[in-house]
Amino acid sequence: MVAADPPRMVAGDAVEVLPRLVADVPRGTPVVVFHAATRLHVPADRRDGFDGAIAAVGRTHALFHLSLEESREFGPLVFAACLRHGDTAERLLAIADGHVEWMAAPETFRAG
């Protein structure tokens, strides 16, 4: 299916590219921003810009922000799958290792 209808690939810095991509989407349309093991590679001095670029999408569109990023709450190298819709509180969906070789409900996970 992907070969028959390949997705559009856009290279670049998310802080610069995301606003341009969203500008092509009709205002008010739901937009899903997904990233996995991305934020931890953003230099610390640029993380506010990264987070801000994603949050800005919610000012003009129905934003669904889905992420799988490292979570120190559950121990080293444990990632949290979280969903935020608009300005609502982030909802923890699951936890996983960095390569998603395993995934678990957060309430069933025991570190160690």
PDB file of N, CA and C in Angstrom:
ATOM      1  N   MET A   1       0.815  -1.186   0.000  1.00  0.00           N
ATOM      2  CA  MET A   1       0.000   0.000   0.000  1.00  0.00           C
ATOM      3  C   MET A   1       0.860   1.253   0.000  1.00  0.00           C
ATOM      4  N   VAL A   2       1.931   1.227   0.768  1.00  0.00           N
ATOM      5  CA  VAL A   2       2.787   2.404   0.839  1.00  0.00           C
ATOM      6  C   VAL A   2       3.458   2.649  -0.507  1.00  0.00           C
ATOM      7  N   ALA A   3       3.862   1.576  -1.184  1.00  0.00           N
ATOM      8  CA  ALA A   3       4.497   1.737  -2.494  1.00  0.00           C
ATOM      9  C   ALA A   3       3.528   2.364  -3.489  1.00  0.00           C
ATOM     10  N   ALA A   4       2.262   2.013  -3.383  1.00  0.00           N
ATOM     11  CA  ALA A   4       1.255   2.543  -4.304  1.00  0.00           C
ATOM     12  C   ALA A   4       0.940   4.014  -4.020  1.00  0.00           C
ATOM     13  N   ASP A   5       1.077   4.427  -2.768  1.00  0.00           N
ATOM     14  CA  ASP A   5       0.768   5.803  -2.377  1.00  0.00           C
ATOM     15  C   ASP A   5       1.772   6.242  -1.319  1.00  0.00           C
ATOM     16  N   PRO A   6       3.021   6.484  -1.710  1.00  0.00           N
ATOM     17  CA  PRO A   6       4.058   6.808  -0.718  1.00  0.00           C
ATOM     18  C   PRO A   6       3.762   8.111   0.010  1.00  0.00           C
ATOM     19  N   PRO A   7       4.098   8.131   1.291  1.00  0.00           N
ATOM     20  CA  PRO A   7       3.882   9.363   2.052  1.00  0.00           C
ATOM     21  C   PRO A   7       4.859  10.441   1.605  1.00  0.00           C
ATOM     22  N   ARG A   8       4.459  11.662   1.785  1.00  0.00           N
ATOM     23  CA  ARG A   8       5.338  12.789   1.487  1.00  0.00           C
ATOM     24  C   ARG A   8       6.393  12.880   2.593  1.00  0.00           C
ATOM     25  N   MET A   9       7.634  12.959   2.212  1.00  0.00           N
ATOM     26  CA  MET A   9       8.736  13.069   3.169  1.00  0.00           C
ATOM     27  C   MET A   9       9.305  14.481   3.077  1.00  0.00           C
ATOM     28  N   VAL A  10       9.507  15.095   4.217  1.00  0.00           N
ATOM     29  CA  VAL A  10      10.045  16.443   4.251  1.00  0.00           C
ATOM     30  C   VAL A  10      11.226  16.449   5.212  1.00  0.00           C
ATOM     31  N   ALA A  11      12.379  16.839   4.728  1.00  0.00           N
ATOM     32  CA  ALA A  11      13.576  16.903   5.567  1.00  0.00           C
ATOM     33  C   ALA A  11      13.716  18.292   6.172  1.00  0.00           C
ATOM     34  N   GLY A  12      14.335  18.346   7.326  1.00  0.00           N
ATOM     35  CA  GLY A  12      14.621  19.637   7.919  1.00  0.00           C
ATOM     36  C   GLY A  12      14.431  19.647   9.417  1.00  0.00           C
ATOM     37  N   ASP A  13      14.636  20.791   9.996  1.00  0.00           N
ATOM     38  CA  ASP A  13      14.493  21.026  11.418  1.00  0.00           C
ATOM     39  C   ASP A  13      13.001  21.208  11.727  1.00  0.00           C
ATOM     40  N   ALA A  14      12.487  20.425  12.660  1.00  0.00           N
ATOM     41  CA  ALA A  14      11.057  20.462  12.971  1.00  0.00           C
ATOM     42  C   ALA A  14      10.583  21.858  13.362  1.00  0.00           C
ATOM     43  N   VAL A  15      11.420  22.606  14.044  1.00  0.00           N
ATOM     44  CA  VAL A  15      11.038  23.957  14.478  1.00  0.00           C
ATOM     45  C   VAL A  15      10.764  24.848  13.269  1.00  0.00           C
ATOM     46  N   GLU A  16      11.498  24.643  12.209  1.00  0.00           N
ATOM     47  CA  GLU A  16      11.317  25.454  11.007  1.00  0.00           C
ATOM     48  C   GLU A  16      10.311  24.846  10.034  1.00  0.00           C
ATOM     49  N   VAL A  17      10.281  23.526   9.931  1.00  0.00           N
ATOM     50  CA  VAL A  17       9.449  22.845   8.929  1.00  0.00           C
ATOM     51  C   VAL A  17       7.989  22.724   9.370  1.00  0.00           C
ATOM     52  N   LEU A  18       7.744  22.442  10.642  1.00  0.00           N
ATOM     53  CA  LEU A  18       6.373  22.205  11.106  1.00  0.00           C
ATOM     54  C   LEU A  18       5.428  23.366  10.796  1.00  0.00           C
ATOM     55  N   PRO A  19       5.790  24.611  11.059  1.00  0.00           N
ATOM     56  CA  PRO A  19       4.867  25.712  10.729  1.00  0.00           C
ATOM     57  C   PRO A  19       4.530  25.772   9.240  1.00  0.00           C
ATOM     58  N   ARG A  20       5.497  25.496   8.382  1.00  0.00           N
ATOM     59  CA  ARG A  20       5.243  25.515   6.934  1.00  0.00           C
ATOM     60  C   ARG A  20       4.299  24.390   6.529  1.00  0.00           C
ATOM     61  N   LEU A  21       4.477  23.206   7.120  1.00  0.00           N
ATOM     62  CA  LEU A  21       3.593  22.081   6.788  1.00  0.00           C
ATOM     63  C   LEU A  21       2.159  22.348   7.235  1.00  0.00           C
ATOM     64  N   VAL A  22       2.017  22.852   8.436  1.00  0.00           N
ATOM     65  CA  VAL A  22       0.683  23.109   8.983  1.00  0.00           C
ATOM     66  C   VAL A  22      -0.012  24.243   8.239  1.00  0.00           C
ATOM     67  N   ALA A  23       0.742  25.164   7.683  1.00  0.00           N
ATOM     68  CA  ALA A  23       0.144  26.260   6.922  1.00  0.00           C
ATOM     69  C   ALA A  23      -0.629  25.744   5.712  1.00  0.00           C
ATOM     70  N   ASP A  24      -0.274  24.560   5.211  1.00  0.00           N
ATOM     71  CA  ASP A  24      -0.968  23.967   4.061  1.00  0.00           C
ATOM     72  C   ASP A  24      -2.245  23.218   4.457  1.00  0.00           C
ATOM     73  N   VAL A  25      -2.484  23.049   5.757  1.00  0.00           N
ATOM     74  CA  VAL A  25      -3.649  22.310   6.255  1.00  0.00           C
ATOM     75  C   VAL A  25      -4.751  23.317   6.573  1.00  0.00           C
ATOM     76  N   PRO A  26      -5.969  23.089   6.078  1.00  0.00           N
ATOM     77  CA  PRO A  26      -7.052  24.046   6.367  1.00  0.00           C
ATOM     78  C   PRO A  26      -7.222  24.292   7.875  1.00  0.00           C
ATOM     79  N   ARG A  27      -7.405  25.539   8.224  1.00  0.00           N
ATOM     80  CA  ARG A  27      -7.579  25.955   9.621  1.00  0.00           C
ATOM     81  C   ARG A  27      -8.675  25.126  10.295  1.00  0.00           C
ATOM     82  N   GLY A  28      -8.418  24.688  11.517  1.00  0.00           N
ATOM     83  CA  GLY A  28      -9.389  23.920  12.285  1.00  0.00           C
ATOM     84  C   GLY A  28      -9.322  22.425  12.048  1.00  0.00           C
ATOM     85  N   THR A  29      -8.654  22.002  11.008  1.00  0.00           N
ATOM     86  CA  THR A  29      -8.532  20.575  10.701  1.00  0.00           C
ATOM     87  C   THR A  29      -7.684  19.889  11.773  1.00  0.00           C
ATOM     88  N   PRO A  30      -8.062  18.681  12.203  1.00  0.00           N
ATOM     89  CA  PRO A  30      -7.219  17.965  13.163  1.00  0.00           C
ATOM     90  C   PRO A  30      -5.836  17.680  12.574  1.00  0.00           C
ATOM     91  N   VAL A  31      -4.818  17.891  13.382  1.00  0.00           N
ATOM     92  CA  VAL A  31      -3.436  17.618  12.995  1.00  0.00           C
ATOM     93  C   VAL A  31      -2.828  16.732  14.077  1.00  0.00           C
ATOM     94  N   VAL A  32      -2.186  15.651  13.666  1.00  0.00           N
ATOM     95  CA  VAL A  32      -1.479  14.779  14.591  1.00  0.00           C
ATOM     96  C   VAL A  32       0.011  15.042  14.428  1.00  0.00           C
ATOM     97  N   VAL A  33       0.658  15.388  15.526  1.00  0.00           N
ATOM     98  CA  VAL A  33       2.111  15.516  15.545  1.00  0.00           C
ATOM     99  C   VAL A  33       2.622  14.334  16.361  1.00  0.00           C
ATOM    100  N   PHE A  34       3.431  13.485  15.733  1.00  0.00           N
ATOM    101  CA  PHE A  34       3.977  12.305  16.396  1.00  0.00           C
ATOM    102  C   PHE A  34       5.495  12.339  16.323  1.00  0.00           C
ATOM    103  N   HIS A  35       6.121  12.026  17.436  1.00  0.00           N
ATOM    104  CA  HIS A  35       7.578  11.863  17.435  1.00  0.00           C
ATOM    105  C   HIS A  35       7.951  10.786  18.444  1.00  0.00           C
ATOM    106  N   ALA A  36       9.006  10.061  18.124  1.00  0.00           N
ATOM    107  CA  ALA A  36       9.504   8.991  18.989  1.00  0.00           C
ATOM    108  C   ALA A  36      11.017   9.118  19.098  1.00  0.00           C
ATOM    109  N   ALA A  37      11.495   9.167  20.327  1.00  0.00           N
ATOM    110  CA  ALA A  37      12.930   9.280  20.610  1.00  0.00           C
ATOM    111  C   ALA A  37      13.541  10.436  19.826  1.00  0.00           C
ATOM    112  N   THR A  38      12.786  11.517  19.740  1.00  0.00           N
ATOM    113  CA  THR A  38      13.236  12.698  18.998  1.00  0.00           C
ATOM    114  C   THR A  38      13.676  13.803  19.956  1.00  0.00           C
ATOM    115  N   ARG A  39      12.816  14.103  20.915  1.00  0.00           N
ATOM    116  CA  ARG A  39      13.078  15.246  21.800  1.00  0.00           C
ATOM    117  C   ARG A  39      14.393  15.097  22.543  1.00  0.00           C
ATOM    118  N   LEU A  40      14.767  13.875  22.911  1.00  0.00           N
ATOM    119  CA  LEU A  40      16.017  13.694  23.648  1.00  0.00           C
ATOM    120  C   LEU A  40      17.242  14.016  22.794  1.00  0.00           C
ATOM    121  N   HIS A  41      17.078  14.061  21.470  1.00  0.00           N
ATOM    122  CA  HIS A  41      18.182  14.425  20.584  1.00  0.00           C
ATOM    123  C   HIS A  41      18.200  15.915  20.255  1.00  0.00           C
ATOM    124  N   VAL A  42      17.174  16.623  20.672  1.00  0.00           N
ATOM    125  CA  VAL A  42      17.142  18.084  20.468  1.00  0.00           C
ATOM    126  C   VAL A  42      18.054  18.705  21.529  1.00  0.00           C
ATOM    127  N   PRO A  43      19.005  19.539  21.119  1.00  0.00           N
ATOM    128  CA  PRO A  43      19.876  20.174  22.112  1.00  0.00           C
ATOM    129  C   PRO A  43      19.055  20.901  23.179  1.00  0.00           C
ATOM    130  N   ALA A  44      19.511  20.841  24.416  1.00  0.00           N
ATOM    131  CA  ALA A  44      18.767  21.409  25.549  1.00  0.00           C
ATOM    132  C   ALA A  44      18.364  22.861  25.311  1.00  0.00           C
ATOM    133  N   ASP A  45      19.223  23.635  24.683  1.00  0.00           N
ATOM    134  CA  ASP A  45      18.905  25.048  24.468  1.00  0.00           C
ATOM    135  C   ASP A  45      17.887  25.265  23.346  1.00  0.00           C
ATOM    136  N   ARG A  46      17.478  24.187  22.650  1.00  0.00           N
ATOM    137  CA  ARG A  46      16.484  24.308  21.565  1.00  0.00           C
ATOM    138  C   ARG A  46      15.170  23.606  21.904  1.00  0.00           C
ATOM    139  N   ARG A  47      15.094  22.955  23.060  1.00  0.00           N
ATOM    140  CA  ARG A  47      13.877  22.197  23.405  1.00  0.00           C
ATOM    141  C   ARG A  47      12.656  23.081  23.566  1.00  0.00           C
ATOM    142  N   ASP A  48      12.820  24.272  24.114  1.00  0.00           N
ATOM    143  CA  ASP A  48      11.672  25.184  24.235  1.00  0.00           C
ATOM    144  C   ASP A  48      11.123  25.525  22.852  1.00  0.00           C
ATOM    145  N   GLY A  49      12.005  25.723  21.876  1.00  0.00           N
ATOM    146  CA  GLY A  49      11.575  26.001  20.506  1.00  0.00           C
ATOM    147  C   GLY A  49      10.858  24.813  19.889  1.00  0.00           C
ATOM    148  N   PHE A  50      11.361  23.617  20.145  1.00  0.00           N
ATOM    149  CA  PHE A  50      10.733  22.385  19.654  1.00  0.00           C
ATOM    150  C   PHE A  50       9.325  22.252  20.239  1.00  0.00           C
ATOM    151  N   ASP A  51       9.223  22.381  21.561  1.00  0.00           N
ATOM    152  CA  ASP A  51       7.915  22.287  22.226  1.00  0.00           C
ATOM    153  C   ASP A  51       6.981  23.401  21.765  1.00  0.00           C
ATOM    154  N   GLY A  52       7.532  24.592  21.591  1.00  0.00           N
ATOM    155  CA  GLY A  52       6.725  25.730  21.159  1.00  0.00           C
ATOM    156  C   GLY A  52       6.181  25.568  19.748  1.00  0.00           C
ATOM    157  N   ALA A  53       6.988  24.995  18.854  1.00  0.00           N
ATOM    158  CA  ALA A  53       6.526  24.771  17.472  1.00  0.00           C
ATOM    159  C   ALA A  53       5.340  23.813  17.454  1.00  0.00           C
ATOM    160  N   ILE A  54       5.391  22.796  18.306  1.00  0.00           N
ATOM    161  CA  ILE A  54       4.275  21.850  18.371  1.00  0.00           C
ATOM    162  C   ILE A  54       3.054  22.518  18.992  1.00  0.00           C
ATOM    163  N   ALA A  55       3.249  23.223  20.103  1.00  0.00           N
ATOM    164  CA  ALA A  55       2.128  23.906  20.767  1.00  0.00           C
ATOM    165  C   ALA A  55       1.464  24.917  19.849  1.00  0.00           C
ATOM    166  N   ALA A  56       2.235  25.578  18.997  1.00  0.00           N
ATOM    167  CA  ALA A  56       1.686  26.587  18.081  1.00  0.00           C
ATOM    168  C   ALA A  56       0.664  25.995  17.117  1.00  0.00           C
ATOM    169  N   VAL A  57       0.811  24.720  16.793  1.00  0.00           N
ATOM    170  CA  VAL A  57      -0.152  24.059  15.899  1.00  0.00           C
ATOM    171  C   VAL A  57      -1.557  24.136  16.508  1.00  0.00           C
ATOM    172  N   GLY A  58      -1.642  24.012  17.822  1.00  0.00           N
ATOM    173  CA  GLY A  58      -2.928  24.025  18.508  1.00  0.00           C
ATOM    174  C   GLY A  58      -3.633  25.366  18.500  1.00  0.00           C
ATOM    175  N   ARG A  59      -2.947  26.411  18.105  1.00  0.00           N
ATOM    176  CA  ARG A  59      -3.600  27.724  18.039  1.00  0.00           C
ATOM    177  C   ARG A  59      -4.479  27.875  16.803  1.00  0.00           C
ATOM    178  N   THR A  60      -4.227  27.058  15.791  1.00  0.00           N
ATOM    179  CA  THR A  60      -4.989  27.177  14.544  1.00  0.00           C
ATOM    180  C   THR A  60      -5.664  25.875  14.115  1.00  0.00           C
ATOM    181  N   HIS A  61      -5.320  24.773  14.776  1.00  0.00           N
ATOM    182  CA  HIS A  61      -5.827  23.458  14.384  1.00  0.00           C
ATOM    183  C   HIS A  61      -6.159  22.635  15.630  1.00  0.00           C
ATOM    184  N   ALA A  62      -6.941  21.597  15.452  1.00  0.00           N
ATOM    185  CA  ALA A  62      -7.224  20.664  16.543  1.00  0.00           C
ATOM    186  C   ALA A  62      -6.004  19.751  16.675  1.00  0.00           C
ATOM    187  N   LEU A  63      -5.142  20.033  17.639  1.00  0.00           N
ATOM    188  CA  LEU A  63      -3.866  19.345  17.782  1.00  0.00           C
ATOM    189  C   LEU A  63      -3.991  18.088  18.623  1.00  0.00           C
ATOM    190  N   PHE A  64      -3.475  16.997  18.083  1.00  0.00           N
ATOM    191  CA  PHE A  64      -3.280  15.752  18.818  1.00  0.00           C
ATOM    192  C   PHE A  64      -1.775  15.509  18.813  1.00  0.00           C
ATOM    193  N   HIS A  65      -1.163  15.585  19.975  1.00  0.00           N
ATOM    194  CA  HIS A  65       0.292  15.433  20.093  1.00  0.00           C
ATOM    195  C   HIS A  65       0.575  14.082  20.735  1.00  0.00           C
ATOM    196  N   LEU A  66       1.130  13.176  19.954  1.00  0.00           N
ATOM    197  CA  LEU A  66       1.449  11.828  20.406  1.00  0.00           C
ATOM    198  C   LEU A  66       2.960  11.678  20.419  1.00  0.00           C
ATOM    199  N   SER A  67       3.501  11.270  21.554  1.00  0.00           N
ATOM    200  CA  SER A  67       4.953  11.156  21.655  1.00  0.00           C
ATOM    201  C   SER A  67       5.349   9.870  22.364  1.00  0.00           C
ATOM    202  N   LEU A  68       6.533   9.395  22.034  1.00  0.00           N
ATOM    203  CA  LEU A  68       7.153   8.271  22.727  1.00  0.00           C
ATOM    204  C   LEU A  68       8.563   8.736  23.064  1.00  0.00           C
ATOM    205  N   GLU A  69       8.723   9.220  24.275  1.00  0.00           N
ATOM    206  CA  GLU A  69       9.986   9.817  24.688  1.00  0.00           C
ATOM    207  C   GLU A  69      10.423   9.271  26.041  1.00  0.00           C
ATOM    208  N   GLU A  70      11.717   9.386  26.321  1.00  0.00           N
ATOM    209  CA  GLU A  70      12.276   8.896  27.565  1.00  0.00           C
ATOM    210  C   GLU A  70      11.554   9.501  28.764  1.00  0.00           C
ATOM    211  N   SER A  71      11.287   8.650  29.763  1.00  0.00           N
ATOM    212  CA  SER A  71      10.587   9.103  30.968  1.00  0.00           C
ATOM    213  C   SER A  71      11.376   8.654  32.188  1.00  0.00           C
ATOM    214  N   ARG A  72      11.971   9.584  32.870  1.00  0.00           N
ATOM    215  CA  ARG A  72      12.772   9.251  34.063  1.00  0.00           C
ATOM    216  C   ARG A  72      11.892   8.751  35.214  1.00  0.00           C
ATOM    217  N   GLU A  73      10.610   8.995  35.125  1.00  0.00           N
ATOM    218  CA  GLU A  73       9.676   8.549  36.171  1.00  0.00           C
ATOM    219  C   GLU A  73       9.698   7.028  36.333  1.00  0.00           C
ATOM    220  N   PHE A  74       9.948   6.299  35.250  1.00  0.00           N
ATOM    221  CA  PHE A  74       9.894   4.847  35.282  1.00  0.00           C
ATOM    222  C   PHE A  74      11.271   4.188  35.280  1.00  0.00           C
ATOM    223  N   GLY A  75      12.326   4.957  35.277  1.00  0.00           N
ATOM    224  CA  GLY A  75      13.672   4.397  35.312  1.00  0.00           C
ATOM    225  C   GLY A  75      14.416   4.669  34.026  1.00  0.00           C
ATOM    226  N   PRO A  76      15.720   4.335  34.018  1.00  0.00           N
ATOM    227  CA  PRO A  76      16.532   4.608  32.831  1.00  0.00           C
ATOM    228  C   PRO A  76      16.075   3.806  31.621  1.00  0.00           C
ATOM    229  N   LEU A  77      16.128   4.445  30.487  1.00  0.00           N
ATOM    230  CA  LEU A  77      15.817   3.829  29.189  1.00  0.00           C
ATOM    231  C   LEU A  77      14.391   3.315  29.072  1.00  0.00           C
ATOM    232  N   VAL A  78      13.488   3.876  29.854  1.00  0.00           N
ATOM    233  CA  VAL A  78      12.067   3.552  29.719  1.00  0.00           C
ATOM    234  C   VAL A  78      11.394   4.758  29.072  1.00  0.00           C
ATOM    235  N   PHE A  79      10.606   4.490  28.049  1.00  0.00           N
ATOM    236  CA  PHE A  79       9.956   5.545  27.290  1.00  0.00           C
ATOM    237  C   PHE A  79       8.468   5.554  27.598  1.00  0.00           C
ATOM    238  N   ALA A  80       7.873   6.732  27.585  1.00  0.00           N
ATOM    239  CA  ALA A  80       6.450   6.889  27.858  1.00  0.00           C
ATOM    240  C   ALA A  80       5.729   7.292  26.573  1.00  0.00           C
ATOM    241  N   ALA A  81       4.665   6.577  26.249  1.00  0.00           N
ATOM    242  CA  ALA A  81       3.803   6.948  25.127  1.00  0.00           C
ATOM    243  C   ALA A  81       2.702   7.831  25.702  1.00  0.00           C
ATOM    244  N   CYS A  82       2.667   9.092  25.273  1.00  0.00           N
ATOM    245  CA  CYS A  82       1.735  10.063  25.844  1.00  0.00           C
ATOM    246  C   CYS A  82       0.929  10.738  24.746  1.00  0.00           C
ATOM    247  N   LEU A  83      -0.288  11.110  25.085  1.00  0.00           N
ATOM    248  CA  LEU A  83      -1.164  11.823  24.157  1.00  0.00           C
ATOM    249  C   LEU A  83      -1.682  13.067  24.842  1.00  0.00           C
ATOM    250  N   ARG A  84      -1.645  14.155  24.107  1.00  0.00           N
ATOM    251  CA  ARG A  84      -2.234  15.415  24.579  1.00  0.00           C
ATOM    252  C   ARG A  84      -3.126  15.924  23.459  1.00  0.00           C
ATOM    253  N   HIS A  85      -4.339  16.333  23.805  1.00  0.00           N
ATOM    254  CA  HIS A  85      -5.253  16.924  22.826  1.00  0.00           C
ATOM    255  C   HIS A  85      -5.447  18.373  23.204  1.00  0.00           C
ATOM    256  N   GLY A  86      -4.994  19.254  22.337  1.00  0.00           N
ATOM    257  CA  GLY A  86      -5.108  20.685  22.606  1.00  0.00           C
ATOM    258  C   GLY A  86      -4.392  21.061  23.882  1.00  0.00           C
ATOM    259  N   ASP A  87      -5.089  21.775  24.758  1.00  0.00           N
ATOM    260  CA  ASP A  87      -4.487  22.223  26.015  1.00  0.00           C
ATOM    261  C   ASP A  87      -4.781  21.284  27.181  1.00  0.00           C
ATOM    262  N   THR A  88      -5.336  20.108  26.896  1.00  0.00           N
ATOM    263  CA  THR A  88      -5.640  19.176  27.985  1.00  0.00           C
ATOM    264  C   THR A  88      -4.352  18.619  28.573  1.00  0.00           C
ATOM    265  N   ALA A  89      -4.469  18.044  29.748  1.00  0.00           N
ATOM    266  CA  ALA A  89      -3.310  17.431  30.387  1.00  0.00           C
ATOM    267  C   ALA A  89      -2.840  16.231  29.557  1.00  0.00           C
ATOM    268  N   GLU A  90      -1.554  16.022  29.584  1.00  0.00           N
ATOM    269  CA  GLU A  90      -0.980  14.876  28.879  1.00  0.00           C
ATOM    270  C   GLU A  90      -1.484  13.586  29.511  1.00  0.00           C
ATOM    271  N   ARG A  91      -1.855  12.627  28.678  1.00  0.00           N
ATOM    272  CA  ARG A  91      -2.359  11.335  29.158  1.00  0.00           C
ATOM    273  C   ARG A  91      -1.332  10.252  28.856  1.00  0.00           C
ATOM    274  N   LEU A  92      -0.887   9.539  29.876  1.00  0.00           N
ATOM    275  CA  LEU A  92       0.066   8.453  29.706  1.00  0.00           C
ATOM    276  C   LEU A  92      -0.677   7.231  29.181  1.00  0.00           C
ATOM    277  N   LEU A  93      -0.312   6.775  27.995  1.00  0.00           N
ATOM    278  CA  LEU A  93      -0.980   5.635  27.363  1.00  0.00           C
ATOM    279  C   LEU A  93      -0.296   4.314  27.665  1.00  0.00           C
ATOM    280  N   ALA A  94       1.035   4.313  27.601  1.00  0.00           N
ATOM    281  CA  ALA A  94       1.797   3.082  27.789  1.00  0.00           C
ATOM    282  C   ALA A  94       3.245   3.438  28.036  1.00  0.00           C
ATOM    283  N   ILE A  95       4.017   2.444  28.434  1.00  0.00           N
ATOM    284  CA  ILE A  95       5.454   2.612  28.535  1.00  0.00           C
ATOM    285  C   ILE A  95       6.111   1.531  27.697  1.00  0.00           C
ATOM    286  N   ALA A  96       7.343   1.795  27.278  1.00  0.00           N
ATOM    287  CA  ALA A  96       8.037   0.861  26.388  1.00  0.00           C
ATOM    288  C   ALA A  96       9.535   1.073  26.527  1.00  0.00           C
ATOM    289  N   ASP A  97      10.290   0.153  25.950  1.00  0.00           N
ATOM    290  CA  ASP A  97      11.724   0.413  25.865  1.00  0.00           C
ATOM    291  C   ASP A  97      11.951   1.270  24.627  1.00  0.00           C
ATOM    292  N   GLY A  98      13.149   1.773  24.466  1.00  0.00           N
ATOM    293  CA  GLY A  98      13.443   2.724  23.401  1.00  0.00           C
ATOM    294  C   GLY A  98      13.230   2.211  21.993  1.00  0.00           C
ATOM    295  N   HIS A  99      13.259   0.903  21.808  1.00  0.00           N
ATOM    296  CA  HIS A  99      13.049   0.333  20.475  1.00  0.00           C
ATOM    297  C   HIS A  99      11.699  -0.368  20.360  1.00  0.00           C
ATOM    298  N   VAL A 100      10.875  -0.176  21.364  1.00  0.00           N
ATOM    299  CA  VAL A 100       9.521  -0.744  21.442  1.00  0.00           C
ATOM    300  C   VAL A 100       9.555  -2.267  21.237  1.00  0.00           C
ATOM    301  N   GLU A 101      10.578  -2.895  21.822  1.00  0.00           N
ATOM    302  CA  GLU A 101      10.618  -4.363  21.824  1.00  0.00           C
ATOM    303  C   GLU A 101       9.609  -4.898  22.818  1.00  0.00           C
ATOM    304  N   TRP A 102       9.228  -4.065  23.792  1.00  0.00           N
ATOM    305  CA  TRP A 102       8.156  -4.403  24.712  1.00  0.00           C
ATOM    306  C   TRP A 102       7.370  -3.128  25.011  1.00  0.00           C
ATOM    307  N   MET A 103       6.125  -3.316  25.339  1.00  0.00           N
ATOM    308  CA  MET A 103       5.252  -2.197  25.692  1.00  0.00           C
ATOM    309  C   MET A 103       4.324  -2.709  26.785  1.00  0.00           C
ATOM    310  N   ALA A 104       4.019  -1.856  27.747  1.00  0.00           N
ATOM    311  CA  ALA A 104       3.166  -2.278  28.872  1.00  0.00           C
ATOM    312  C   ALA A 104       2.292  -1.139  29.329  1.00  0.00           C
ATOM    313  N   ALA A 105       1.201  -1.507  29.988  1.00  0.00           N
ATOM    314  CA  ALA A 105       0.369  -0.500  30.639  1.00  0.00           C
ATOM    315  C   ALA A 105       1.159   0.029  31.834  1.00  0.00           C
ATOM    316  N   PRO A 106       1.162   1.329  32.058  1.00  0.00           N
ATOM    317  CA  PRO A 106       1.998   1.891  33.119  1.00  0.00           C
ATOM    318  C   PRO A 106       1.700   1.297  34.494  1.00  0.00           C
ATOM    319  N   GLU A 107       0.457   0.973  34.761  1.00  0.00           N
ATOM    320  CA  GLU A 107       0.107   0.450  36.089  1.00  0.00           C
ATOM    321  C   GLU A 107       0.630  -0.969  36.321  1.00  0.00           C
ATOM    322  N   THR A 108       1.055  -1.663  35.268  1.00  0.00           N
ATOM    323  CA  THR A 108       1.563  -3.027  35.432  1.00  0.00           C
ATOM    324  C   THR A 108       3.085  -3.080  35.425  1.00  0.00           C
ATOM    325  N   PHE A 109       3.736  -1.959  35.173  1.00  0.00           N
ATOM    326  CA  PHE A 109       5.193  -1.936  35.029  1.00  0.00           C
ATOM    327  C   PHE A 109       5.885  -1.842  36.378  1.00  0.00           C
ATOM    328  N   ARG A 110       6.941  -2.620  36.513  1.00  0.00           N
ATOM    329  CA  ARG A 110       7.801  -2.545  37.694  1.00  0.00           C
ATOM    330  C   ARG A 110       9.234  -2.381  37.195  1.00  0.00           C
ATOM    331  N   ALA A 111       9.858  -1.296  37.573  1.00  0.00           N
ATOM    332  CA  ALA A 111      11.245  -1.052  37.132  1.00  0.00           C
ATOM    333  C   ALA A 111      12.177  -2.090  37.739  1.00  0.00           C
ATOM    334  N   GLY A 112      13.235  -2.382  36.987  1.00  0.00           N
ATOM    335  CA  GLY A 112      14.260  -3.277  37.524  1.00  0.00           C
ATOM    336  C   GLY A 112      14.264  -4.547  36.801  1.00  0.00           C
TER     337      GLY A 112
END
